[in-house]
């Protein structure tokens, strides 16, 4: 059936409200974590304060020492060079010094060629500088050549002495920004992987709990759509874990603080843990997509019987408790309980086996297909969440036969 404009507007507004609620909740959680304990949130706050301090120091030095008339390049350069790792700051420093020098000299030559005419000078300098900005080895710093040229042309400061001032300001900002990042609480991000995995696991457990609670009551398309939205947002957490692992390796390179701070930190979880939670998110997304299709009756999907739905809610509660235990283990990696969940895993597998046995008694083939699909996804979740030792003592291996 074609969706009318009147029905599309409330759906869009509902989605906007849900997204806004998710964002506000995420900001509140991040703020709370930054205040309570160390982690990526507190590290981000520290880096922001360091960047602000470096910018102010660079401006003061440029304005009072070399008495620069604008003193803009120094704080700007210092601000952007306080990066998430010392290695990135050093790499960005080299890239930015090169591209800003090119931009300033090019803009000065363009002003001389056009006899100080602003618009023709922009036409001569900006197109080639923007092409240079696309050179991949310059990274995100490439665009600063064009912006530097804009400053030079717009302010008319293209004389050799003025260009020398701009380059000296840039050098001052680069030295201060790099020094602040390297010697003032240098970022050694060994806890970021574990913190991001813990956050992702807690989100997964919360979504499973919300699904279980929702299935115990009458539910419809709006609830199922909200679950699917939350599952889609979990992929951001997967990307955050991947980026955190890359930064963990990068943060100890050329970092003067690595020997001072590293012994006090717990090694990050293994890459296998990342893949395991990526699998959990994948199957959670598939599960919520199926529930959303059932609620909307898309492609002729029939809702499972009430008894199956109630049993499935209880099984999802058991899986959410198992997921919660896994998340708590990630929060305390040194507690000696790295493989938790034996009791919860056995209980979840037992409930799954019981539902699998009752599935064969369903008389309606259309409902059996949907019920079997839901059980397949919950089985895949259990396989991802269940420690190998717990799976050996549970009824997991018997669950290897097809669910439908």
Protein backbone atom coordinates (compact mmCIF):
# COMPACT_ATOMS: atom_id res chain seq x y z
CA UNK A 1 0.00 0.00 0.00
CA UNK A 2 1.28 3.47 -0.87
CA UNK A 3 2.22 5.51 2.16
CA UNK A 4 0.34 8.80 2.38
CA UNK A 5 1.96 12.09 3.25
CA UNK A 6 -0.07 12.29 6.46
CA UNK A 7 1.32 8.98 7.70
CA UNK A 8 4.90 9.78 6.65
CA UNK A 9 5.16 12.97 8.70
CA UNK A 10 4.41 11.38 12.12
CA UNK A 11 6.80 8.55 11.27
CA UNK A 12 9.55 11.05 10.44
CA UNK A 13 8.89 13.07 13.60
CA UNK A 14 9.01 9.89 15.68
CA UNK A 15 12.35 8.98 14.17
CA UNK A 16 13.71 12.48 14.87
CA UNK A 17 12.57 12.25 18.50
CA UNK A 18 14.22 8.85 18.89
CA UNK A 19 17.48 10.05 17.36
CA UNK A 20 17.48 13.14 19.58
CA UNK A 21 16.84 10.98 22.62
CA UNK A 22 19.70 8.67 21.68
CA UNK A 23 22.08 11.60 21.23
CA UNK A 24 21.15 13.26 24.54
CA UNK A 25 21.47 9.92 26.34
CA UNK A 26 24.88 9.31 24.75
CA UNK A 27 26.10 12.77 25.80
CA UNK A 28 24.87 12.19 29.35
CA UNK A 29 26.59 8.79 29.56
CA UNK A 30 29.83 10.15 28.11
CA UNK A 31 29.85 13.05 30.56
CA UNK A 32 29.23 10.72 33.47
CA UNK A 33 32.01 8.35 32.41
CA UNK A 34 34.45 11.25 31.98
CA UNK A 35 33.70 12.46 35.52
CA UNK A 36 33.78 9.03 37.19
CA UNK A 37 36.82 7.26 35.76
CA UNK A 38 39.55 7.38 33.14
CA UNK A 39 38.78 6.28 29.61
CA UNK A 40 38.26 7.64 26.08
CA UNK A 41 35.82 10.31 27.30
CA UNK A 42 38.22 11.73 29.88
CA UNK A 43 41.11 11.48 27.39
CA UNK A 44 39.07 13.52 24.90
CA UNK A 45 38.39 16.18 27.54
CA UNK A 46 42.09 16.33 28.45
CA UNK A 47 43.08 16.70 24.80
CA UNK A 48 40.55 19.52 24.34
CA UNK A 49 41.97 21.43 27.30
CA UNK A 50 45.53 20.85 26.07
CA UNK A 51 44.61 22.17 22.60
CA UNK A 52 43.02 25.30 24.08
CA UNK A 53 46.04 25.91 26.29
CA UNK A 54 48.47 25.40 23.39
CA UNK A 55 46.53 27.86 21.23
CA UNK A 56 46.58 30.54 23.92
CA UNK A 57 50.30 30.05 24.58
CA UNK A 58 51.08 30.25 20.87
CA UNK A 59 49.07 33.44 20.45
CA UNK A 60 50.75 35.07 23.44
CA UNK A 61 54.22 34.17 22.17
CA UNK A 62 53.51 35.36 18.62
CA UNK A 63 51.76 38.55 19.70
CA UNK A 64 54.25 39.68 22.35
CA UNK A 65 57.56 38.21 21.21
CA UNK A 66 57.55 38.80 17.45
CA UNK A 67 54.79 41.44 17.73
CA UNK A 68 52.83 39.97 14.85
CA UNK A 69 50.01 42.28 13.71
CA UNK A 70 47.49 39.41 13.44
CA UNK A 71 49.09 36.47 15.30
CA UNK A 72 46.50 34.18 13.76
CA UNK A 73 48.60 31.38 12.28
CA UNK A 74 50.35 30.47 15.55
CA UNK A 75 47.27 29.62 17.67
CA UNK A 76 45.52 28.04 14.70
CA UNK A 77 48.45 25.70 14.01
CA UNK A 78 48.89 24.84 17.70
CA UNK A 79 45.18 24.09 18.03
CA UNK A 80 45.05 21.53 15.23
CA UNK A 81 48.35 19.84 16.11
CA UNK A 82 47.22 18.64 19.54
CA UNK A 83 46.03 15.35 18.05
CA UNK A 84 44.93 12.06 19.58
CA UNK A 85 48.47 10.59 19.48
CA UNK A 86 51.96 12.08 19.48
CA UNK A 87 52.75 10.28 16.23
CA UNK A 88 49.77 11.92 14.52
CA UNK A 89 50.83 15.32 15.86
CA UNK A 90 54.33 14.89 14.45
CA UNK A 91 53.05 13.71 11.08
CA UNK A 92 50.50 16.54 10.92
CA UNK A 93 53.23 19.03 11.90
CA UNK A 94 55.36 18.09 8.90
CA UNK A 95 52.35 18.04 6.56
CA UNK A 96 51.05 21.38 7.78
CA UNK A 97 54.39 23.17 7.59
CA UNK A 98 54.77 22.03 3.98
CA UNK A 99 51.26 22.89 2.83
CA UNK A 100 51.06 26.24 4.62
CA UNK A 101 54.41 27.29 3.17
CA UNK A 102 53.21 26.31 -0.30
CA UNK A 103 49.92 28.16 0.19
CA UNK A 104 51.54 31.35 1.49
CA UNK A 105 54.19 31.53 -1.23
CA UNK A 106 51.71 30.67 -3.97
CA UNK A 107 49.25 33.33 -2.80
CA UNK A 108 52.04 35.91 -2.61
CA UNK A 109 53.11 35.11 -6.17
CA UNK A 110 49.49 35.30 -7.33
CA UNK A 111 49.09 38.75 -5.75
CA UNK A 112 52.24 39.98 -7.48
CA UNK A 113 51.09 38.58 -10.82
CA UNK A 114 47.67 40.26 -10.51
CA UNK A 115 49.12 43.48 -9.04
CA UNK A 116 47.28 43.10 -5.76
CA UNK A 117 43.82 42.39 -7.25
CA UNK A 118 41.97 40.12 -4.84
CA UNK A 119 39.55 38.21 -7.07
CA UNK A 120 42.03 37.44 -9.89
CA UNK A 121 44.58 36.33 -7.28
CA UNK A 122 42.03 33.89 -5.85
CA UNK A 123 41.32 32.59 -9.35
CA UNK A 124 45.04 31.99 -9.89
CA UNK A 125 45.81 30.37 -6.52
CA UNK A 126 42.74 28.55 -5.18
CA UNK A 127 42.05 25.97 -7.96
CA UNK A 128 45.57 24.47 -8.00
CA UNK A 129 45.82 24.58 -4.21
CA UNK A 130 42.54 22.69 -3.86
CA UNK A 131 43.87 20.11 -6.31
CA UNK A 132 46.98 19.77 -4.15
CA UNK A 133 44.70 19.36 -1.10
CA UNK A 134 43.46 16.09 -2.60
CA UNK A 135 46.96 14.56 -2.46
CA UNK A 136 46.47 11.68 -0.05
CA UNK A 137 49.86 11.98 1.68
CA UNK A 138 48.85 15.40 2.97
CA UNK A 139 45.84 13.87 4.71
CA UNK A 140 43.41 16.24 6.40
CA UNK A 141 46.05 18.99 6.37
CA UNK A 142 45.81 19.47 2.60
CA UNK A 143 43.03 22.04 2.74
CA UNK A 144 45.13 24.37 4.91
CA UNK A 145 47.12 25.46 1.86
CA UNK A 146 44.01 27.00 0.31
CA UNK A 147 42.86 28.56 3.59
CA UNK A 148 46.31 30.08 4.14
CA UNK A 149 46.17 31.55 0.64
CA UNK A 150 42.77 33.06 1.47
CA UNK A 151 44.19 34.76 4.58
CA UNK A 152 47.15 36.15 2.63
CA UNK A 153 45.00 37.44 -0.23
CA UNK A 154 42.10 38.75 1.86
CA UNK A 155 44.34 40.69 4.25
CA UNK A 156 46.68 41.83 1.46
CA UNK A 157 49.74 40.70 3.45
CA UNK A 158 51.80 39.35 0.58
CA UNK A 159 55.10 41.22 0.90
CA UNK A 160 58.15 38.98 1.59
CA UNK A 161 58.47 40.26 5.15
CA UNK A 162 54.78 39.63 5.83
CA UNK A 163 55.00 36.12 4.35
CA UNK A 164 58.00 35.52 6.61
CA UNK A 165 55.85 36.56 9.59
CA UNK A 166 53.15 34.05 8.59
CA UNK A 167 55.67 31.23 8.30
CA UNK A 168 57.32 32.14 11.61
CA UNK A 169 53.91 32.16 13.31
CA UNK A 170 53.20 28.74 11.84
CA UNK A 171 56.52 27.43 13.13
CA UNK A 172 55.83 28.80 16.62
CA UNK A 173 52.38 27.22 16.67
CA UNK A 174 53.74 23.90 15.43
CA UNK A 175 56.49 23.76 18.06
CA UNK A 176 54.11 24.66 20.89
CA UNK A 177 51.32 22.32 19.75
CA UNK A 178 53.68 19.38 19.31
CA UNK A 179 55.48 20.06 22.60
CA UNK A 180 52.26 20.32 24.59
CA UNK A 181 50.95 17.06 23.16
CA UNK A 182 54.24 15.21 23.67
CA UNK A 183 55.20 16.43 27.16
CA UNK A 184 51.96 17.45 28.91
CA UNK A 185 50.09 14.23 29.76
CA UNK A 186 51.17 12.53 26.50
CA UNK A 187 48.29 10.35 25.29
CA UNK A 188 49.00 6.64 25.74
CA UNK A 189 45.70 5.09 24.73
CA UNK A 190 46.07 1.51 25.98
CA UNK A 191 42.65 1.45 27.67
CA UNK A 192 40.62 2.72 24.73
CA UNK A 193 39.96 -0.68 23.17
CA UNK A 194 38.63 -2.18 26.39
CA UNK A 195 36.56 0.91 27.18
CA UNK A 196 34.97 0.96 23.72
CA UNK A 197 34.30 -2.78 23.83
CA UNK A 198 32.69 -2.40 27.25
CA UNK A 199 30.49 0.42 25.98
CA UNK A 200 29.49 -1.63 22.92
CA UNK A 201 28.71 -4.69 25.05
CA UNK A 202 26.57 -2.64 27.43
CA UNK A 203 24.63 -1.22 24.48
CA UNK A 204 24.06 -4.75 23.15
CA UNK A 205 22.85 -5.95 26.55
CA UNK A 206 20.55 -2.92 26.86
CA UNK A 207 19.02 -3.56 23.44
CA UNK A 208 18.43 -7.25 24.22
CA UNK A 209 16.79 -6.26 27.51
CA UNK A 210 14.57 -3.72 25.74
CA UNK A 211 13.50 -6.34 23.18
CA UNK A 212 12.72 -8.86 25.91
CA UNK A 213 10.70 -6.32 27.92
CA UNK A 214 8.85 -5.19 24.79
CA UNK A 215 7.89 -8.71 23.73
CA UNK A 216 6.26 -9.32 27.12
CA UNK A 217 3.72 -6.59 26.31
CA UNK A 218 1.68 -5.83 23.18
CA UNK A 219 4.15 -4.45 20.64
CA UNK A 220 3.88 -2.96 17.19
CA UNK A 221 5.76 -1.37 14.29
CA UNK A 222 6.93 1.71 16.23
CA UNK A 223 8.63 -0.39 18.91
CA UNK A 224 10.20 -2.74 16.38
CA UNK A 225 11.45 0.21 14.35
CA UNK A 226 13.03 1.71 17.48
CA UNK A 227 14.82 -1.60 18.15
CA UNK A 228 16.10 -1.67 14.58
CA UNK A 229 17.34 1.92 14.90
CA UNK A 230 19.26 1.03 18.06
CA UNK A 231 20.80 -2.01 16.39
CA UNK A 232 21.90 0.12 13.44
CA UNK A 233 23.58 2.56 15.81
CA UNK A 234 25.62 -0.30 17.30
CA UNK A 235 27.71 -0.34 14.13
CA UNK A 236 29.14 3.02 15.23
CA UNK A 237 30.46 1.23 18.29
CA UNK A 238 32.08 -1.44 16.11
CA UNK A 239 33.83 1.27 14.10
CA UNK A 240 34.91 3.00 17.34
CA UNK A 241 36.52 -0.24 18.55
CA UNK A 242 38.39 -0.63 15.27
CA UNK A 243 39.66 2.95 15.40
CA UNK A 244 40.62 2.58 19.07
CA UNK A 245 42.72 -0.50 18.28
CA UNK A 246 44.56 1.40 15.57
CA UNK A 247 45.19 4.32 17.95
CA UNK A 248 46.41 1.94 20.66
CA UNK A 249 49.23 0.73 18.43
CA UNK A 250 49.92 4.24 17.19
CA UNK A 251 49.91 5.92 20.61
CA UNK A 252 53.17 4.30 21.77
CA UNK A 253 55.11 5.29 18.66
CA UNK A 254 57.51 8.22 19.26
CA UNK A 255 55.75 8.88 22.56
CA UNK A 256 58.07 10.02 25.40
CA UNK A 257 55.46 9.06 27.98
CA UNK A 258 55.06 5.42 26.99
CA UNK A 259 57.63 4.03 29.45
CA UNK A 260 56.32 6.17 32.29
CA UNK A 261 52.64 5.33 31.90
CA UNK A 262 52.44 1.98 30.14
CA UNK A 263 53.36 -0.32 33.10
CA UNK A 264 50.31 0.92 35.01
CA UNK A 265 47.90 -0.06 32.25
CA UNK A 266 46.21 -3.35 31.42
CA UNK A 267 46.91 -4.74 27.93
CA UNK A 268 43.92 -4.35 25.59
CA UNK A 269 41.72 -7.35 24.73
CA UNK A 270 42.78 -9.52 21.81
CA UNK A 271 41.51 -8.83 18.26
CA UNK A 272 39.38 -12.00 18.55
CA UNK A 273 37.24 -10.13 21.07
CA UNK A 274 36.59 -7.41 18.51
CA UNK A 275 35.44 -9.98 15.96
CA UNK A 276 33.20 -11.67 18.51
CA UNK A 277 31.33 -8.46 19.33
CA UNK A 278 31.15 -7.53 15.67
CA UNK A 279 29.35 -10.85 15.16
CA UNK A 280 27.00 -10.06 18.05
CA UNK A 281 26.08 -6.71 16.48
CA UNK A 282 25.56 -8.37 13.07
CA UNK A 283 23.11 -10.91 14.45
CA UNK A 284 21.35 -8.36 16.63
CA UNK A 285 20.78 -6.24 13.53
CA UNK A 286 19.36 -9.26 11.68
CA UNK A 287 17.13 -10.10 14.66
CA UNK A 288 15.66 -6.60 14.94
CA UNK A 289 15.17 -6.46 11.16
CA UNK A 290 13.11 -9.66 11.34
CA UNK A 291 11.04 -8.33 14.25
CA UNK A 292 10.45 -5.09 12.34
CA UNK A 293 9.30 -7.07 9.29
CA UNK A 294 6.96 -9.15 11.44
CA UNK A 295 5.45 -6.04 13.06
CA UNK A 296 4.93 -4.36 9.69
CA UNK A 297 3.67 -7.61 8.08
CA UNK A 298 6.14 -7.00 5.25
CA UNK A 299 6.50 -9.74 2.60
CA UNK A 300 3.58 -11.58 4.15
CA UNK A 301 5.40 -12.41 7.40
CA UNK A 302 3.06 -13.86 10.02
CA UNK A 303 3.44 -13.13 13.71
CA UNK A 304 4.53 -16.13 15.81
CA UNK A 305 2.02 -17.61 18.29
CA UNK A 306 1.65 -15.86 21.65
CA UNK A 307 3.23 -18.76 23.52
CA UNK A 308 6.29 -18.63 21.28
CA UNK A 309 6.57 -14.85 21.77
CA UNK A 310 6.42 -15.19 25.57
CA UNK A 311 9.01 -17.96 25.58
CA UNK A 312 11.18 -15.96 23.20
CA UNK A 313 11.02 -12.97 25.55
CA UNK A 314 12.26 -15.18 28.41
CA UNK A 315 15.06 -16.54 26.21
CA UNK A 316 16.06 -13.01 25.18
CA UNK A 317 16.20 -12.02 28.85
CA UNK A 318 18.60 -14.92 29.46
CA UNK A 319 20.78 -13.84 26.52
CA UNK A 320 20.77 -10.24 27.77
CA UNK A 321 21.99 -11.37 31.20
CA UNK A 322 24.76 -13.36 29.54
CA UNK A 323 25.67 -10.29 27.47
CA UNK A 324 25.67 -8.14 30.62
CA UNK A 325 28.11 -10.52 32.33
CA UNK A 326 30.40 -10.38 29.32
CA UNK A 327 30.26 -6.57 29.42
CA UNK A 328 31.12 -6.48 33.13
CA UNK A 329 34.10 -8.76 32.49
CA UNK A 330 35.37 -6.30 29.88
CA UNK A 331 35.15 -3.51 32.48
CA UNK A 332 37.40 -5.50 34.87
CA UNK A 333 39.89 -7.35 32.63
CA UNK A 334 42.30 -8.03 35.47
CA UNK A 335 39.76 -9.66 37.77
CA UNK A 336 40.56 -13.19 36.62
CA UNK A 337 37.04 -13.72 35.27
CA UNK A 338 37.75 -13.18 31.59
CA UNK A 339 35.44 -16.04 30.54
CA UNK A 340 32.26 -15.45 32.58
CA UNK A 341 28.75 -16.65 31.96
CA UNK A 342 28.93 -20.44 32.42
CA UNK A 343 25.69 -20.58 34.41
CA UNK A 344 23.89 -18.05 32.25
CA UNK A 345 25.07 -19.78 29.08
CA UNK A 346 23.79 -23.16 30.24
CA UNK A 347 20.41 -21.65 31.14
CA UNK A 348 20.12 -19.83 27.82
CA UNK A 349 21.02 -22.96 25.85
CA UNK A 350 18.49 -24.99 27.87
CA UNK A 351 15.70 -22.53 27.05
CA UNK A 352 16.76 -22.50 23.41
CA UNK A 353 16.61 -26.32 23.25
CA UNK A 354 13.14 -26.35 24.77
CA UNK A 355 11.85 -23.80 22.26
CA UNK A 356 13.48 -25.71 19.41
CA UNK A 357 11.66 -28.88 20.48
CA UNK A 358 8.29 -27.12 20.73
CA UNK A 359 8.78 -25.48 17.34
CA UNK A 360 8.19 -28.78 15.58
CA UNK A 361 4.67 -28.95 17.01
CA UNK A 362 3.55 -25.70 15.34
CA UNK A 363 0.88 -26.41 12.77
CA UNK A 364 1.04 -23.19 10.74
CA UNK A 365 3.96 -23.38 8.25
CA UNK A 366 4.05 -19.58 7.76
CA UNK A 367 4.42 -18.97 11.48
CA UNK A 368 6.95 -21.79 11.78
CA UNK A 369 9.20 -20.11 9.21
CA UNK A 370 9.19 -16.82 11.13
CA UNK A 371 9.68 -18.54 14.49
CA UNK A 372 12.55 -20.59 13.08
CA UNK A 373 14.22 -17.49 11.67
CA UNK A 374 14.07 -15.78 15.07
CA UNK A 375 15.54 -18.86 16.75
CA UNK A 376 18.35 -19.01 14.20
CA UNK A 377 19.44 -15.47 15.09
CA UNK A 378 19.24 -16.07 18.84
CA UNK A 379 21.31 -19.25 18.37
CA UNK A 380 23.94 -17.27 16.47
CA UNK A 381 23.99 -14.74 19.30
CA UNK A 382 24.51 -17.54 21.81
CA UNK A 383 27.35 -18.99 19.79
CA UNK A 384 29.04 -15.57 19.73
CA UNK A 385 28.48 -14.87 23.43
CA UNK A 386 29.06 -18.31 24.95
CA UNK A 387 32.58 -19.12 26.15
CA UNK A 388 33.89 -22.37 24.71
CA UNK A 389 34.14 -23.99 28.14
CA UNK A 390 30.56 -23.07 29.01
CA UNK A 391 29.36 -24.33 25.63
CA UNK A 392 30.97 -27.72 26.30
CA UNK A 393 29.01 -28.21 29.52
CA UNK A 394 25.76 -26.73 28.20
CA UNK A 395 23.32 -28.11 25.68
CA UNK A 396 24.85 -25.96 22.93
CA UNK A 397 26.13 -28.76 20.68
CA UNK A 398 22.64 -30.28 20.44
CA UNK A 399 21.48 -26.89 19.15
CA UNK A 400 23.57 -27.35 16.02
CA UNK A 401 20.68 -28.93 14.14
CA UNK A 402 18.59 -26.61 11.95
CA UNK A 403 16.07 -24.47 13.78
CA UNK A 404 13.47 -24.73 11.06
